[in-house]
Amino acid sequence: MDIIILCNETFYHKTDDNDALFPHLLTQIGIIPDIIVDRELIILVDTDNETTNQGLDNLEKRYRGYKNLGTQFAQ
């Protein structure tokens, strides 16, 4: 079985013909949708423009939503 890794934005795209979410379409054709759960880079306060990924805030809640929409695992 093939796997495709989606970002948050792509995960919520819908098809034109039947308004189905992209992960549902992938599942129907035998592809496992995966999700990257980190978010945008932000500059750390009081640093020389060092950055870090956001993404741990509300991770469990977000992952439950992704799981309900068809993802099998997250990165």
N, C-alpha and C. Protein backbone atom coordinates (compact mmCIF):
# COMPACT_ATOMS: atom_id res chain seq x y z
N MET A 1 0.84 -1.18 0.00
CA MET A 1 0.00 0.00 0.00
C MET A 1 0.89 1.24 0.00
N ASP A 2 0.52 2.24 -0.77
CA ASP A 2 1.27 3.48 -0.86
C ASP A 2 0.85 4.46 0.23
N ILE A 3 1.76 5.35 0.56
CA ILE A 3 1.52 6.37 1.59
C ILE A 3 1.83 7.72 0.97
N ILE A 4 1.04 8.72 1.30
CA ILE A 4 1.31 10.08 0.88
C ILE A 4 1.33 10.97 2.12
N ILE A 5 2.31 11.86 2.18
CA ILE A 5 2.45 12.77 3.32
C ILE A 5 1.87 14.12 2.93
N LEU A 6 0.91 14.59 3.72
CA LEU A 6 0.25 15.86 3.43
C LEU A 6 0.57 16.89 4.50
N CYS A 7 0.59 18.14 4.11
CA CYS A 7 0.66 19.21 5.10
C CYS A 7 -0.76 19.54 5.54
N ASN A 8 -0.90 20.30 6.59
CA ASN A 8 -2.21 20.62 7.15
C ASN A 8 -3.13 21.24 6.09
N GLU A 9 -2.62 22.18 5.33
CA GLU A 9 -3.45 22.85 4.32
C GLU A 9 -3.99 21.87 3.28
N THR A 10 -3.12 21.02 2.75
CA THR A 10 -3.52 20.06 1.73
C THR A 10 -4.48 19.03 2.29
N PHE A 11 -4.33 18.69 3.54
CA PHE A 11 -5.18 17.68 4.17
C PHE A 11 -6.66 18.06 4.08
N TYR A 12 -6.96 19.33 4.11
CA TYR A 12 -8.35 19.79 4.12
C TYR A 12 -8.87 20.20 2.74
N HIS A 13 -8.10 19.99 1.68
CA HIS A 13 -8.60 20.27 0.33
C HIS A 13 -9.72 19.29 0.00
N LYS A 14 -10.64 19.75 -0.84
CA LYS A 14 -11.77 18.91 -1.25
C LYS A 14 -11.72 18.69 -2.75
N THR A 15 -12.35 17.61 -3.19
CA THR A 15 -12.43 17.33 -4.62
C THR A 15 -13.50 18.22 -5.25
N ASP A 16 -13.35 18.49 -6.53
CA ASP A 16 -14.31 19.34 -7.24
C ASP A 16 -15.61 18.61 -7.53
N ASP A 17 -15.52 17.32 -7.82
CA ASP A 17 -16.72 16.62 -8.30
C ASP A 17 -17.71 16.25 -7.21
N ASN A 18 -17.24 15.82 -6.05
CA ASN A 18 -18.21 15.41 -5.02
C ASN A 18 -17.93 16.04 -3.65
N ASP A 19 -17.05 17.03 -3.60
CA ASP A 19 -16.77 17.79 -2.38
C ASP A 19 -16.22 16.91 -1.24
N ALA A 20 -15.60 15.80 -1.60
CA ALA A 20 -15.01 14.91 -0.60
C ALA A 20 -13.64 15.44 -0.18
N LEU A 21 -13.30 15.27 1.07
CA LEU A 21 -11.97 15.65 1.54
C LEU A 21 -10.91 14.78 0.87
N PHE A 22 -9.77 15.37 0.59
CA PHE A 22 -8.68 14.70 -0.11
C PHE A 22 -8.28 13.38 0.57
N PRO A 23 -8.15 13.32 1.92
CA PRO A 23 -7.79 12.04 2.55
C PRO A 23 -8.80 10.92 2.26
N HIS A 24 -10.08 11.26 2.16
CA HIS A 24 -11.08 10.23 1.85
C HIS A 24 -10.87 9.68 0.44
N LEU A 25 -10.59 10.57 -0.50
CA LEU A 25 -10.32 10.14 -1.87
C LEU A 25 -9.10 9.22 -1.92
N LEU A 26 -8.04 9.62 -1.22
CA LEU A 26 -6.83 8.79 -1.20
C LEU A 26 -7.11 7.41 -0.63
N THR A 27 -7.83 7.35 0.46
CA THR A 27 -8.16 6.07 1.09
C THR A 27 -8.96 5.17 0.14
N GLN A 28 -9.89 5.76 -0.60
CA GLN A 28 -10.71 5.00 -1.53
C GLN A 28 -9.90 4.36 -2.65
N ILE A 29 -8.78 4.98 -3.00
CA ILE A 29 -7.96 4.41 -4.08
C ILE A 29 -6.74 3.65 -3.55
N GLY A 30 -6.75 3.36 -2.24
CA GLY A 30 -5.73 2.50 -1.66
C GLY A 30 -4.47 3.19 -1.20
N ILE A 31 -4.52 4.50 -1.02
CA ILE A 31 -3.36 5.24 -0.55
C ILE A 31 -3.61 5.69 0.89
N ILE A 32 -2.63 5.46 1.77
CA ILE A 32 -2.77 5.85 3.17
C ILE A 32 -2.34 7.31 3.32
N PRO A 33 -3.26 8.18 3.79
CA PRO A 33 -2.86 9.57 4.02
C PRO A 33 -2.12 9.72 5.34
N ASP A 34 -1.01 10.43 5.28
CA ASP A 34 -0.20 10.74 6.45
C ASP A 34 -0.22 12.26 6.61
N ILE A 35 0.07 12.77 7.79
CA ILE A 35 0.02 14.20 8.02
C ILE A 35 1.30 14.65 8.74
N ILE A 36 1.81 15.80 8.34
CA ILE A 36 2.91 16.44 9.06
C ILE A 36 2.25 17.38 10.05
N VAL A 37 2.50 17.17 11.33
CA VAL A 37 1.75 17.90 12.36
C VAL A 37 2.41 19.19 12.81
N ASP A 38 3.67 19.42 12.40
CA ASP A 38 4.28 20.67 12.82
C ASP A 38 3.68 21.82 12.02
N ARG A 39 3.83 22.98 12.56
CA ARG A 39 3.28 24.18 11.93
C ARG A 39 4.41 25.08 11.48
N GLU A 40 4.12 26.31 11.30
CA GLU A 40 5.09 27.26 10.77
C GLU A 40 6.27 27.50 11.71
N LEU A 41 7.35 28.03 11.14
CA LEU A 41 8.50 28.43 11.94
C LEU A 41 8.21 29.78 12.59
N ILE A 42 8.64 29.93 13.83
CA ILE A 42 8.53 31.21 14.51
C ILE A 42 9.89 31.59 15.07
N ILE A 43 10.12 32.88 15.23
CA ILE A 43 11.37 33.36 15.80
C ILE A 43 11.26 33.30 17.32
N LEU A 44 12.27 32.71 17.94
CA LEU A 44 12.31 32.62 19.40
C LEU A 44 12.58 33.99 20.00
N VAL A 45 11.86 34.31 21.03
CA VAL A 45 12.02 35.58 21.72
C VAL A 45 13.41 35.66 22.36
N ASP A 46 14.00 36.83 22.34
CA ASP A 46 15.31 37.10 22.95
C ASP A 46 16.44 36.27 22.36
N THR A 47 16.36 35.99 21.05
CA THR A 47 17.45 35.30 20.36
C THR A 47 17.87 36.14 19.16
N ASP A 48 18.92 35.72 18.52
CA ASP A 48 19.39 36.39 17.31
C ASP A 48 18.70 35.78 16.09
N ASN A 49 17.37 35.92 16.06
CA ASN A 49 16.52 35.38 14.99
C ASN A 49 16.59 33.87 14.84
N GLU A 50 16.82 33.15 15.95
CA GLU A 50 16.74 31.69 15.91
C GLU A 50 15.27 31.30 15.79
N THR A 51 15.01 30.21 15.09
CA THR A 51 13.63 29.78 14.87
C THR A 51 13.39 28.39 15.44
N THR A 52 12.12 28.10 15.60
CA THR A 52 11.69 26.78 16.04
C THR A 52 10.36 26.47 15.37
N ASN A 53 10.05 25.19 15.23
CA ASN A 53 8.76 24.78 14.68
C ASN A 53 7.70 24.83 15.74
N GLN A 54 6.56 25.32 15.37
CA GLN A 54 5.41 25.20 16.25
C GLN A 54 4.74 23.88 15.92
N GLY A 55 3.91 23.41 16.80
CA GLY A 55 3.17 22.20 16.45
C GLY A 55 2.78 21.32 17.60
N LEU A 56 3.35 21.52 18.78
CA LEU A 56 2.98 20.65 19.90
C LEU A 56 1.72 21.12 20.61
N ASP A 57 1.38 22.41 20.44
CA ASP A 57 0.17 22.92 21.07
C ASP A 57 -1.05 22.18 20.53
N ASN A 58 -1.86 21.67 21.42
CA ASN A 58 -3.10 20.97 21.05
C ASN A 58 -2.88 19.79 20.11
N LEU A 59 -1.71 19.19 20.16
CA LEU A 59 -1.39 18.10 19.24
C LEU A 59 -2.35 16.93 19.36
N GLU A 60 -2.67 16.53 20.58
CA GLU A 60 -3.58 15.38 20.73
C GLU A 60 -4.94 15.67 20.11
N LYS A 61 -5.48 16.85 20.36
CA LYS A 61 -6.78 17.23 19.81
C LYS A 61 -6.72 17.28 18.28
N ARG A 62 -5.66 17.88 17.74
CA ARG A 62 -5.53 17.96 16.29
C ARG A 62 -5.38 16.57 15.68
N TYR A 63 -4.58 15.71 16.33
CA TYR A 63 -4.39 14.37 15.77
C TYR A 63 -5.69 13.58 15.77
N ARG A 64 -6.49 13.73 16.81
CA ARG A 64 -7.79 13.04 16.83
C ARG A 64 -8.65 13.48 15.64
N GLY A 65 -8.58 14.76 15.32
CA GLY A 65 -9.31 15.26 14.15
C GLY A 65 -8.77 14.66 12.86
N TYR A 66 -7.44 14.61 12.74
CA TYR A 66 -6.84 14.00 11.55
C TYR A 66 -7.22 12.53 11.45
N LYS A 67 -7.21 11.83 12.57
CA LYS A 67 -7.55 10.40 12.59
C LYS A 67 -9.00 10.19 12.13
N ASN A 68 -9.90 11.06 12.60
CA ASN A 68 -11.30 10.96 12.18
C ASN A 68 -11.48 11.22 10.69
N LEU A 69 -10.55 11.94 10.09
CA LEU A 69 -10.62 12.23 8.67
C LEU A 69 -9.83 11.27 7.81
N GLY A 70 -9.24 10.23 8.42
CA GLY A 70 -8.66 9.15 7.62
C GLY A 70 -7.17 8.93 7.70
N THR A 71 -6.43 9.76 8.45
CA THR A 71 -4.99 9.52 8.52
C THR A 71 -4.71 8.29 9.37
N GLN A 72 -3.65 7.59 9.03
CA GLN A 72 -3.27 6.40 9.77
C GLN A 72 -2.15 6.69 10.79
N PHE A 73 -1.33 7.68 10.50
CA PHE A 73 -0.26 8.06 11.42
C PHE A 73 0.18 9.49 11.11
N ALA A 74 1.00 10.03 11.96
CA ALA A 74 1.45 11.42 11.80
C ALA A 74 2.96 11.50 11.94
N GLN A 75 3.50 12.55 11.34
CA GLN A 75 4.95 12.78 11.44
C GLN A 75 5.19 14.08 12.15
